[in-house]
PDB file of N, CA and C in Angstrom:
ATOM      1  N   MET A   1      65.119  16.033 -60.515  1.00  0.00           N
ATOM      2  CA  MET A   1      65.681  16.367 -59.168  1.00  0.00           C
ATOM      3  C   MET A   1      65.089  15.888 -57.972  1.00  0.00           C
ATOM      4  N   LYS A   2      65.408  15.172 -57.166  1.00  0.00           N
ATOM      5  CA  LYS A   2      64.469  14.644 -55.895  1.00  0.00           C
ATOM      6  C   LYS A   2      64.343  15.664 -55.160  1.00  0.00           C
ATOM      7  N   LYS A   3      63.264  15.967 -54.614  1.00  0.00           N
ATOM      8  CA  LYS A   3      63.042  16.757 -53.174  1.00  0.00           C
ATOM      9  C   LYS A   3      63.493  15.926 -52.097  1.00  0.00           C
ATOM     10  N   PRO A   4      63.860  16.988 -50.960  1.00  0.00           N
ATOM     11  CA  PRO A   4      64.339  16.362 -49.796  1.00  0.00           C
ATOM     12  C   PRO A   4      63.102  15.567 -49.070  1.00  0.00           C
ATOM     13  N   LEU A   5      63.306  14.452 -48.466  1.00  0.00           N
ATOM     14  CA  LEU A   5      62.010  13.691 -47.747  1.00  0.00           C
ATOM     15  C   LEU A   5      61.643  14.561 -46.517  1.00  0.00           C
ATOM     16  N   TYR A   6      62.305  15.190 -45.760  1.00  0.00           N
ATOM     17  CA  TYR A   6      61.873  15.891 -44.785  1.00  0.00           C
ATOM     18  C   TYR A   6      61.241  17.002 -44.829  1.00  0.00           C
ATOM     19  N   ILE A   7      60.633  17.268 -46.051  1.00  0.00           N
ATOM     20  CA  ILE A   7      59.842  18.325 -46.488  1.00  0.00           C
ATOM     21  C   ILE A   7      58.190  17.933 -46.127  1.00  0.00           C
ATOM     22  N   VAL A   8      58.254  16.754 -46.669  1.00  0.00           N
ATOM     23  CA  VAL A   8      56.816  16.073 -46.410  1.00  0.00           C
ATOM     24  C   VAL A   8      56.189  15.905 -44.909  1.00  0.00           C
ATOM     25  N   PRO A   9      56.738  15.608 -44.150  1.00  0.00           N
ATOM     26  CA  PRO A   9      56.394  15.429 -43.042  1.00  0.00           C
ATOM     27  C   PRO A   9      56.328  16.997 -42.264  1.00  0.00           C
ATOM     28  N   ILE A  10      56.844  17.827 -42.364  1.00  0.00           N
ATOM     29  CA  ILE A  10      57.213  19.389 -42.200  1.00  0.00           C
ATOM     30  C   ILE A  10      55.733  20.008 -42.864  1.00  0.00           C
ATOM     31  N   LEU A  11      55.514  19.605 -43.696  1.00  0.00           N
ATOM     32  CA  LEU A  11      54.221  20.194 -44.704  1.00  0.00           C
ATOM     33  C   LEU A  11      53.131  19.766 -43.985  1.00  0.00           C
ATOM     34  N   LEU A  12      53.036  18.271 -43.529  1.00  0.00           N
ATOM     35  CA  LEU A  12      51.852  17.774 -42.786  1.00  0.00           C
ATOM     36  C   LEU A  12      51.753  18.103 -41.589  1.00  0.00           C
ATOM     37  N   CYS A  13      52.895  18.423 -40.717  1.00  0.00           N
ATOM     38  CA  CYS A  13      53.055  19.071 -39.383  1.00  0.00           C
ATOM     39  C   CYS A  13      52.257  20.517 -39.448  1.00  0.00           C
ATOM     40  N   LEU A  14      52.774  21.070 -40.321  1.00  0.00           N
ATOM     41  CA  LEU A  14      52.093  22.460 -40.624  1.00  0.00           C
ATOM     42  C   LEU A  14      50.691  22.656 -40.900  1.00  0.00           C
ATOM     43  N   SER A  15      50.239  21.827 -41.696  1.00  0.00           N
ATOM     44  CA  SER A  15      48.838  21.640 -42.202  1.00  0.00           C
ATOM     45  C   SER A  15      47.779  21.447 -40.913  1.00  0.00           C
ATOM     46  N   ILE A  16      48.471  20.523 -40.136  1.00  0.00           N
ATOM     47  CA  ILE A  16      47.796  20.165 -38.820  1.00  0.00           C
ATOM     48  C   ILE A  16      47.518  21.166 -37.976  1.00  0.00           C
ATOM     49  N   VAL A  17      48.599  21.821 -37.618  1.00  0.00           N
ATOM     50  CA  VAL A  17      48.751  22.970 -36.672  1.00  0.00           C
ATOM     51  C   VAL A  17      47.791  23.749 -37.241  1.00  0.00           C
ATOM     52  N   LEU A  18      47.681  24.465 -38.404  1.00  0.00           N
ATOM     53  CA  LEU A  18      47.017  25.338 -38.915  1.00  0.00           C
ATOM     54  C   LEU A  18      45.701  25.282 -38.953  1.00  0.00           C
ATOM     55  N   THR A  19      45.209  23.909 -39.377  1.00  0.00           N
ATOM     56  CA  THR A  19      43.822  23.687 -39.467  1.00  0.00           C
ATOM     57  C   THR A  19      43.349  23.458 -38.181  1.00  0.00           C
ATOM     58  N   GLY A  20      44.269  23.182 -37.032  1.00  0.00           N
ATOM     59  CA  GLY A  20      43.597  22.827 -35.654  1.00  0.00           C
ATOM     60  C   GLY A  20      43.345  24.452 -35.079  1.00  0.00           C
ATOM     61  N   CYS A  21      43.940  25.492 -35.644  1.00  0.00           N
ATOM     62  CA  CYS A  21      43.734  26.748 -35.266  1.00  0.00           C
ATOM     63  C   CYS A  21      42.507  27.465 -35.188  1.00  0.00           C
ATOM     64  N   SER A  22      41.655  27.155 -36.586  1.00  0.00           N
ATOM     65  CA  SER A  22      40.443  27.466 -36.824  1.00  0.00           C
ATOM     66  C   SER A  22      39.440  26.994 -36.154  1.00  0.00           C
ATOM     67  N   ASP A  23      38.243  27.829 -36.243  1.00  0.00           N
ATOM     68  CA  ASP A  23      37.289  27.195 -35.441  1.00  0.00           C
ATOM     69  C   ASP A  23      36.306  26.084 -36.554  1.00  0.00           C
ATOM     70  N   ARG A  24      35.536  25.545 -35.946  1.00  0.00           N
ATOM     71  CA  ARG A  24      34.947  24.458 -36.870  1.00  0.00           C
ATOM     72  C   ARG A  24      33.443  24.657 -36.160  1.00  0.00           C
ATOM     73  N   TRP A  25      32.620  24.733 -37.010  1.00  0.00           N
ATOM     74  CA  TRP A  25      31.291  24.916 -36.924  1.00  0.00           C
ATOM     75  C   TRP A  25      30.311  23.651 -37.260  1.00  0.00           C
ATOM     76  N   GLN A  26      29.788  22.851 -36.482  1.00  0.00           N
ATOM     77  CA  GLN A  26      28.999  21.786 -36.858  1.00  0.00           C
ATOM     78  C   GLN A  26      27.801  21.894 -36.673  1.00  0.00           C
ATOM     79  N   SER A  27      26.796  21.620 -37.800  1.00  0.00           N
ATOM     80  CA  SER A  27      25.452  21.761 -38.258  1.00  0.00           C
ATOM     81  C   SER A  27      24.677  20.505 -37.552  1.00  0.00           C
ATOM     82  N   LYS A  28      23.920  20.607 -36.663  1.00  0.00           N
ATOM     83  CA  LYS A  28      22.913  19.765 -36.209  1.00  0.00           C
ATOM     84  C   LYS A  28      21.470  20.242 -36.379  1.00  0.00           C
ATOM     85  N   VAL A  29      20.780  19.366 -37.573  1.00  0.00           N
ATOM     86  CA  VAL A  29      19.262  19.698 -37.753  1.00  0.00           C
ATOM     87  C   VAL A  29      18.403  18.676 -37.172  1.00  0.00           C
ATOM     88  N   TYR A  30      17.533  19.469 -36.777  1.00  0.00           N
ATOM     89  CA  TYR A  30      16.214  18.934 -35.983  1.00  0.00           C
ATOM     90  C   TYR A  30      15.331  18.552 -37.094  1.00  0.00           C
ATOM     91  N   LEU A  31      14.454  17.525 -37.384  1.00  0.00           N
ATOM     92  CA  LEU A  31      13.768  17.286 -38.366  1.00  0.00           C
ATOM     93  C   LEU A  31      12.248  17.924 -38.006  1.00  0.00           C
ATOM     94  N   SER A  32      12.145  18.054 -36.643  1.00  0.00           N
ATOM     95  CA  SER A  32      11.034  18.384 -35.563  1.00  0.00           C
ATOM     96  C   SER A  32      11.387  19.214 -34.679  1.00  0.00           C
ATOM     97  N   LYS A  33      10.883  20.304 -34.375  1.00  0.00           N
ATOM     98  CA  LYS A  33      11.071  20.924 -33.081  1.00  0.00           C
ATOM     99  C   LYS A  33      10.597  20.288 -32.189  1.00  0.00           C
ATOM    100  N   GLN A  34       9.420  19.469 -32.259  1.00  0.00           N
ATOM    101  CA  GLN A  34       8.716  18.610 -31.374  1.00  0.00           C
ATOM    102  C   GLN A  34       9.388  17.228 -30.726  1.00  0.00           C
ATOM    103  N   ASN A  35      10.324  17.025 -31.467  1.00  0.00           N
ATOM    104  CA  ASN A  35      10.919  16.030 -31.091  1.00  0.00           C
ATOM    105  C   ASN A  35      12.427  15.778 -31.610  1.00  0.00           C
ATOM    106  N   PRO A  36      13.099  16.289 -30.227  1.00  0.00           N
ATOM    107  CA  PRO A  36      14.588  16.497 -30.533  1.00  0.00           C
ATOM    108  C   PRO A  36      15.582  15.359 -31.134  1.00  0.00           C
ATOM    109  N   THR A  37      15.062  14.126 -30.537  1.00  0.00           N
ATOM    110  CA  THR A  37      15.658  13.017 -30.736  1.00  0.00           C
ATOM    111  C   THR A  37      15.882  12.829 -32.350  1.00  0.00           C
ATOM    112  N   ASN A  38      15.088  13.214 -33.183  1.00  0.00           N
ATOM    113  CA  ASN A  38      15.309  12.894 -34.603  1.00  0.00           C
ATOM    114  C   ASN A  38      15.985  14.124 -35.343  1.00  0.00           C
ATOM    115  N   HIS A  39      17.158  14.013 -35.297  1.00  0.00           N
ATOM    116  CA  HIS A  39      17.998  14.806 -35.742  1.00  0.00           C
ATOM    117  C   HIS A  39      19.133  14.335 -36.759  1.00  0.00           C
ATOM    118  N   ARG A  40      19.841  15.035 -37.294  1.00  0.00           N
ATOM    119  CA  ARG A  40      21.199  14.568 -38.437  1.00  0.00           C
ATOM    120  C   ARG A  40      22.205  16.000 -38.204  1.00  0.00           C
ATOM    121  N   ILE A  41      23.243  15.264 -38.011  1.00  0.00           N
ATOM    122  CA  ILE A  41      24.412  16.159 -38.132  1.00  0.00           C
ATOM    123  C   ILE A  41      24.916  15.999 -39.726  1.00  0.00           C
ATOM    124  N   ILE A  42      24.843  17.312 -40.398  1.00  0.00           N
ATOM    125  CA  ILE A  42      24.909  17.235 -41.591  1.00  0.00           C
ATOM    126  C   ILE A  42      26.154  17.812 -42.014  1.00  0.00           C
ATOM    127  N   GLY A  43      27.211  18.282 -41.242  1.00  0.00           N
ATOM    128  CA  GLY A  43      28.677  18.535 -41.553  1.00  0.00           C
ATOM    129  C   GLY A  43      29.267  19.583 -40.796  1.00  0.00           C
ATOM    130  N   GLU A  44      30.580  19.681 -41.197  1.00  0.00           N
ATOM    131  CA  GLU A  44      31.256  20.932 -40.097  1.00  0.00           C
ATOM    132  C   GLU A  44      31.488  22.045 -41.074  1.00  0.00           C
ATOM    133  N   PHE A  45      31.596  23.255 -40.686  1.00  0.00           N
ATOM    134  CA  PHE A  45      31.602  24.479 -41.724  1.00  0.00           C
ATOM    135  C   PHE A  45      32.948  25.311 -41.003  1.00  0.00           C
ATOM    136  N   SER A  46      33.466  26.190 -41.848  1.00  0.00           N
ATOM    137  CA  SER A  46      34.549  27.108 -41.203  1.00  0.00           C
ATOM    138  C   SER A  46      34.167  28.365 -40.746  1.00  0.00           C
ATOM    139  N   SER A  47      32.898  28.588 -40.947  1.00  0.00           N
ATOM    140  CA  SER A  47      32.183  29.570 -40.209  1.00  0.00           C
ATOM    141  C   SER A  47      30.645  29.645 -39.956  1.00  0.00           C
ATOM    142  N   LEU A  48      30.239  30.221 -38.984  1.00  0.00           N
ATOM    143  CA  LEU A  48      28.720  30.551 -38.396  1.00  0.00           C
ATOM    144  C   LEU A  48      28.205  30.566 -39.724  1.00  0.00           C
ATOM    145  N   GLU A  49      28.447  31.490 -40.528  1.00  0.00           N
ATOM    146  CA  GLU A  49      27.366  31.751 -41.406  1.00  0.00           C
ATOM    147  C   GLU A  49      27.482  30.755 -42.451  1.00  0.00           C
ATOM    148  N   GLU A  50      28.216  29.888 -42.859  1.00  0.00           N
ATOM    149  CA  GLU A  50      28.280  28.836 -43.482  1.00  0.00           C
ATOM    150  C   GLU A  50      27.514  27.588 -43.163  1.00  0.00           C
ATOM    151  N   CYS A  51      27.371  27.746 -41.861  1.00  0.00           N
ATOM    152  CA  CYS A  51      26.695  26.395 -40.980  1.00  0.00           C
ATOM    153  C   CYS A  51      25.191  26.878 -41.056  1.00  0.00           C
ATOM    154  N   ARG A  52      24.902  28.295 -40.782  1.00  0.00           N
ATOM    155  CA  ARG A  52      23.339  28.490 -40.867  1.00  0.00           C
ATOM    156  C   ARG A  52      23.001  28.393 -42.083  1.00  0.00           C
ATOM    157  N   ASP A  53      23.851  28.975 -43.288  1.00  0.00           N
ATOM    158  CA  ASP A  53      23.327  28.592 -44.633  1.00  0.00           C
ATOM    159  C   ASP A  53      23.125  27.176 -45.002  1.00  0.00           C
ATOM    160  N   ALA A  54      23.740  26.320 -44.602  1.00  0.00           N
ATOM    161  CA  ALA A  54      23.668  24.796 -44.930  1.00  0.00           C
ATOM    162  C   ALA A  54      22.618  24.279 -44.331  1.00  0.00           C
ATOM    163  N   SER A  55      22.369  24.806 -42.847  1.00  0.00           N
ATOM    164  CA  SER A  55      21.394  24.275 -42.198  1.00  0.00           C
ATOM    165  C   SER A  55      19.948  24.310 -42.738  1.00  0.00           C
ATOM    166  N   LEU A  56      19.860  25.738 -43.126  1.00  0.00           N
ATOM    167  CA  LEU A  56      18.490  26.190 -43.487  1.00  0.00           C
ATOM    168  C   LEU A  56      18.221  26.015 -45.079  1.00  0.00           C
ATOM    169  N   ASN A  57      19.380  25.317 -45.825  1.00  0.00           N
ATOM    170  CA  ASN A  57      19.013  24.960 -46.830  1.00  0.00           C
ATOM    171  C   ASN A  57      18.848  23.226 -46.930  1.00  0.00           C
ATOM    172  N   TYR A  58      19.291  22.448 -45.890  1.00  0.00           N
ATOM    173  CA  TYR A  58      19.058  21.472 -46.002  1.00  0.00           C
ATOM    174  C   TYR A  58      17.425  21.250 -45.159  1.00  0.00           C
ATOM    175  N   LEU A  59      17.173  22.346 -44.255  1.00  0.00           N
ATOM    176  CA  LEU A  59      15.709  22.123 -44.032  1.00  0.00           C
ATOM    177  C   LEU A  59      14.698  22.337 -45.454  1.00  0.00           C
ATOM    178  N   LYS A  60      15.301  23.362 -45.767  1.00  0.00           N
ATOM    179  CA  LYS A  60      14.380  23.761 -47.231  1.00  0.00           C
ATOM    180  C   LYS A  60      14.294  22.454 -48.060  1.00  0.00           C
ATOM    181  N   GLY A  61      15.460  22.004 -48.370  1.00  0.00           N
ATOM    182  CA  GLY A  61      15.581  20.423 -49.236  1.00  0.00           C
ATOM    183  C   GLY A  61      14.568  19.590 -48.809  1.00  0.00           C
ATOM    184  N   ILE A  62      14.455  19.194 -47.499  1.00  0.00           N
ATOM    185  CA  ILE A  62      13.670  18.230 -47.237  1.00  0.00           C
ATOM    186  C   ILE A  62      12.349  18.594 -46.950  1.00  0.00           C
ATOM    187  N   LYS A  63      12.070  19.874 -47.005  1.00  0.00           N
ATOM    188  CA  LYS A  63      10.610  20.268 -46.822  1.00  0.00           C
ATOM    189  C   LYS A  63       9.940  20.621 -45.443  1.00  0.00           C
ATOM    190  N   VAL A  64      10.821  20.788 -44.577  1.00  0.00           N
ATOM    191  CA  VAL A  64      10.741  21.047 -42.962  1.00  0.00           C
ATOM    192  C   VAL A  64      11.190  22.293 -42.494  1.00  0.00           C
ATOM    193  N   LEU A  65      11.153  23.264 -43.218  1.00  0.00           N
ATOM    194  CA  LEU A  65      11.772  24.481 -42.835  1.00  0.00           C
ATOM    195  C   LEU A  65      10.798  25.007 -41.825  1.00  0.00           C
ATOM    196  N   ASP A  66       9.408  25.053 -42.070  1.00  0.00           N
ATOM    197  CA  ASP A  66       8.365  25.453 -40.668  1.00  0.00           C
ATOM    198  C   ASP A  66       8.693  24.724 -39.803  1.00  0.00           C
ATOM    199  N   THR A  67       8.953  23.620 -39.797  1.00  0.00           N
ATOM    200  CA  THR A  67       8.778  22.634 -38.648  1.00  0.00           C
ATOM    201  C   THR A  67       9.831  22.075 -37.912  1.00  0.00           C
ATOM    202  N   GLY A  68      10.858  22.461 -38.571  1.00  0.00           N
ATOM    203  CA  GLY A  68      12.320  21.894 -38.412  1.00  0.00           C
ATOM    204  C   GLY A  68      12.962  22.978 -37.688  1.00  0.00           C
ATOM    205  N   ASP A  69      14.150  22.511 -37.177  1.00  0.00           N
ATOM    206  CA  ASP A  69      15.217  23.635 -36.193  1.00  0.00           C
ATOM    207  C   ASP A  69      16.499  23.098 -36.967  1.00  0.00           C
ATOM    208  N   TYR A  70      17.507  23.877 -35.931  1.00  0.00           N
ATOM    209  CA  TYR A  70      18.980  23.340 -36.209  1.00  0.00           C
ATOM    210  C   TYR A  70      19.852  24.235 -35.140  1.00  0.00           C
ATOM    211  N   GLU A  71      20.835  23.708 -34.975  1.00  0.00           N
ATOM    212  CA  GLU A  71      21.985  24.383 -34.144  1.00  0.00           C
ATOM    213  C   GLU A  71      23.552  24.496 -34.739  1.00  0.00           C
ATOM    214  N   CYS A  72      23.983  25.466 -34.773  1.00  0.00           N
ATOM    215  CA  CYS A  72      25.227  25.354 -34.804  1.00  0.00           C
ATOM    216  C   CYS A  72      26.346  25.500 -33.857  1.00  0.00           C
ATOM    217  N   ARG A  73      26.780  24.484 -33.819  1.00  0.00           N
ATOM    218  CA  ARG A  73      27.794  24.345 -32.435  1.00  0.00           C
ATOM    219  C   ARG A  73      29.297  24.034 -33.001  1.00  0.00           C
ATOM    220  N   LYS A  74      30.278  25.234 -32.403  1.00  0.00           N
ATOM    221  CA  LYS A  74      31.255  25.412 -32.360  1.00  0.00           C
ATOM    222  C   LYS A  74      32.282  24.506 -31.744  1.00  0.00           C
ATOM    223  N   ASN A  75      33.572  23.906 -32.526  1.00  0.00           N
ATOM    224  CA  ASN A  75      34.695  23.300 -32.192  1.00  0.00           C
ATOM    225  C   ASN A  75      34.220  22.132 -31.306  1.00  0.00           C
ATOM    226  N   CYS A  76      33.312  21.215 -31.658  1.00  0.00           N
ATOM    227  CA  CYS A  76      32.704  19.987 -30.937  1.00  0.00           C
ATOM    228  C   CYS A  76      33.890  18.812 -31.166  1.00  0.00           C
ATOM    229  N   ASN A  77      33.837  18.390 -30.068  1.00  0.00           N
ATOM    230  CA  ASN A  77      34.430  16.934 -30.185  1.00  0.00           C
ATOM    231  C   ASN A  77      33.938  15.769 -29.526  1.00  0.00           C
ATOM    232  N   TYR A  78      33.569  14.817 -29.798  1.00  0.00           N
ATOM    233  CA  TYR A  78      32.731  13.464 -29.600  1.00  0.00           C
ATOM    234  C   TYR A  78      33.554  12.805 -28.413  1.00  0.00           C
ATOM    235  N   ASP A  79      32.818  12.591 -27.288  1.00  0.00           N
ATOM    236  CA  ASP A  79      33.234  11.865 -25.778  1.00  0.00           C
ATOM    237  C   ASP A  79      32.481  10.606 -25.871  1.00  0.00           C
ATOM    238  N   TYR A  80      33.425   9.601 -26.419  1.00  0.00           N
ATOM    239  CA  TYR A  80      32.999   8.228 -26.555  1.00  0.00           C
ATOM    240  C   TYR A  80      32.297   7.853 -25.137  1.00  0.00           C
ATOM    241  N   ALA A  81      32.899   7.972 -24.174  1.00  0.00           N
ATOM    242  CA  ALA A  81      32.744   7.839 -22.903  1.00  0.00           C
ATOM    243  C   ALA A  81      31.316   8.211 -22.724  1.00  0.00           C
ATOM    244  N   LEU A  82      30.979   9.377 -22.743  1.00  0.00           N
ATOM    245  CA  LEU A  82      29.567   9.698 -22.447  1.00  0.00           C
ATOM    246  C   LEU A  82      28.709   9.717 -23.657  1.00  0.00           C
ATOM    247  N   ASP A  83      29.189   9.154 -24.704  1.00  0.00           N
ATOM    248  CA  ASP A  83      28.242   9.066 -26.029  1.00  0.00           C
ATOM    249  C   ASP A  83      27.753  10.271 -26.374  1.00  0.00           C
ATOM    250  N   LYS A  84      28.343  11.694 -26.378  1.00  0.00           N
ATOM    251  CA  LYS A  84      27.591  12.612 -27.150  1.00  0.00           C
ATOM    252  C   LYS A  84      29.068  13.775 -27.222  1.00  0.00           C
ATOM    253  N   TYR A  85      28.369  14.698 -27.907  1.00  0.00           N
ATOM    254  CA  TYR A  85      29.493  15.742 -28.449  1.00  0.00           C
ATOM    255  C   TYR A  85      29.362  16.827 -27.245  1.00  0.00           C
ATOM    256  N   ASN A  86      30.786  17.374 -27.118  1.00  0.00           N
ATOM    257  CA  ASN A  86      31.113  18.517 -26.269  1.00  0.00           C
ATOM    258  C   ASN A  86      31.504  19.338 -27.039  1.00  0.00           C
ATOM    259  N   CYS A  87      30.773  20.862 -27.042  1.00  0.00           N
ATOM    260  CA  CYS A  87      31.286  21.768 -27.775  1.00  0.00           C
ATOM    261  C   CYS A  87      31.494  22.994 -27.293  1.00  0.00           C
ATOM    262  N   ASP A  88      32.405  24.180 -27.676  1.00  0.00           N
ATOM    263  CA  ASP A  88      32.483  25.182 -26.933  1.00  0.00           C
ATOM    264  C   ASP A  88      31.115  26.256 -26.708  1.00  0.00           C
ATOM    265  N   LYS A  89      30.545  26.305 -27.903  1.00  0.00           N
ATOM    266  CA  LYS A  89      29.388  26.920 -27.986  1.00  0.00           C
ATOM    267  C   LYS A  89      28.119  26.538 -28.961  1.00  0.00           C
ATOM    268  N   THR A  90      27.051  26.840 -28.664  1.00  0.00           N
ATOM    269  CA  THR A  90      25.910  26.682 -29.616  1.00  0.00           C
ATOM    270  C   THR A  90      25.096  27.415 -29.756  1.00  0.00           C
ATOM    271  N   LEU A  91      24.781  27.624 -31.022  1.00  0.00           N
ATOM    272  CA  LEU A  91      24.254  29.110 -31.399  1.00  0.00           C
ATOM    273  C   LEU A  91      23.077  28.680 -32.365  1.00  0.00           C
ATOM    274  N   HIS A  92      22.224  29.548 -32.375  1.00  0.00           N
ATOM    275  CA  HIS A  92      21.087  29.303 -33.638  1.00  0.00           C
ATOM    276  C   HIS A  92      21.264  30.109 -34.795  1.00  0.00           C
TER     277      HIS A  92
END
């Protein structure tokens, strides 16, 4: 039995809408507190706690936990005209 083709677009649209409703937390890790230009964006996470854990684990993994730092930024979008991220909130 064939499934109706209209189901696929409906499910796709529904998943986009539901995903868009949740907050996204982006981890920005600074390899040195003294040099904020030396940073990495290591990923997006569904909660602040996941973002913090991933940031700390990354700093531990590269052995700069004492000298590095991180930010967790909420719902960031990249602005190509300004060449920077715009975020709703930034937390440590």
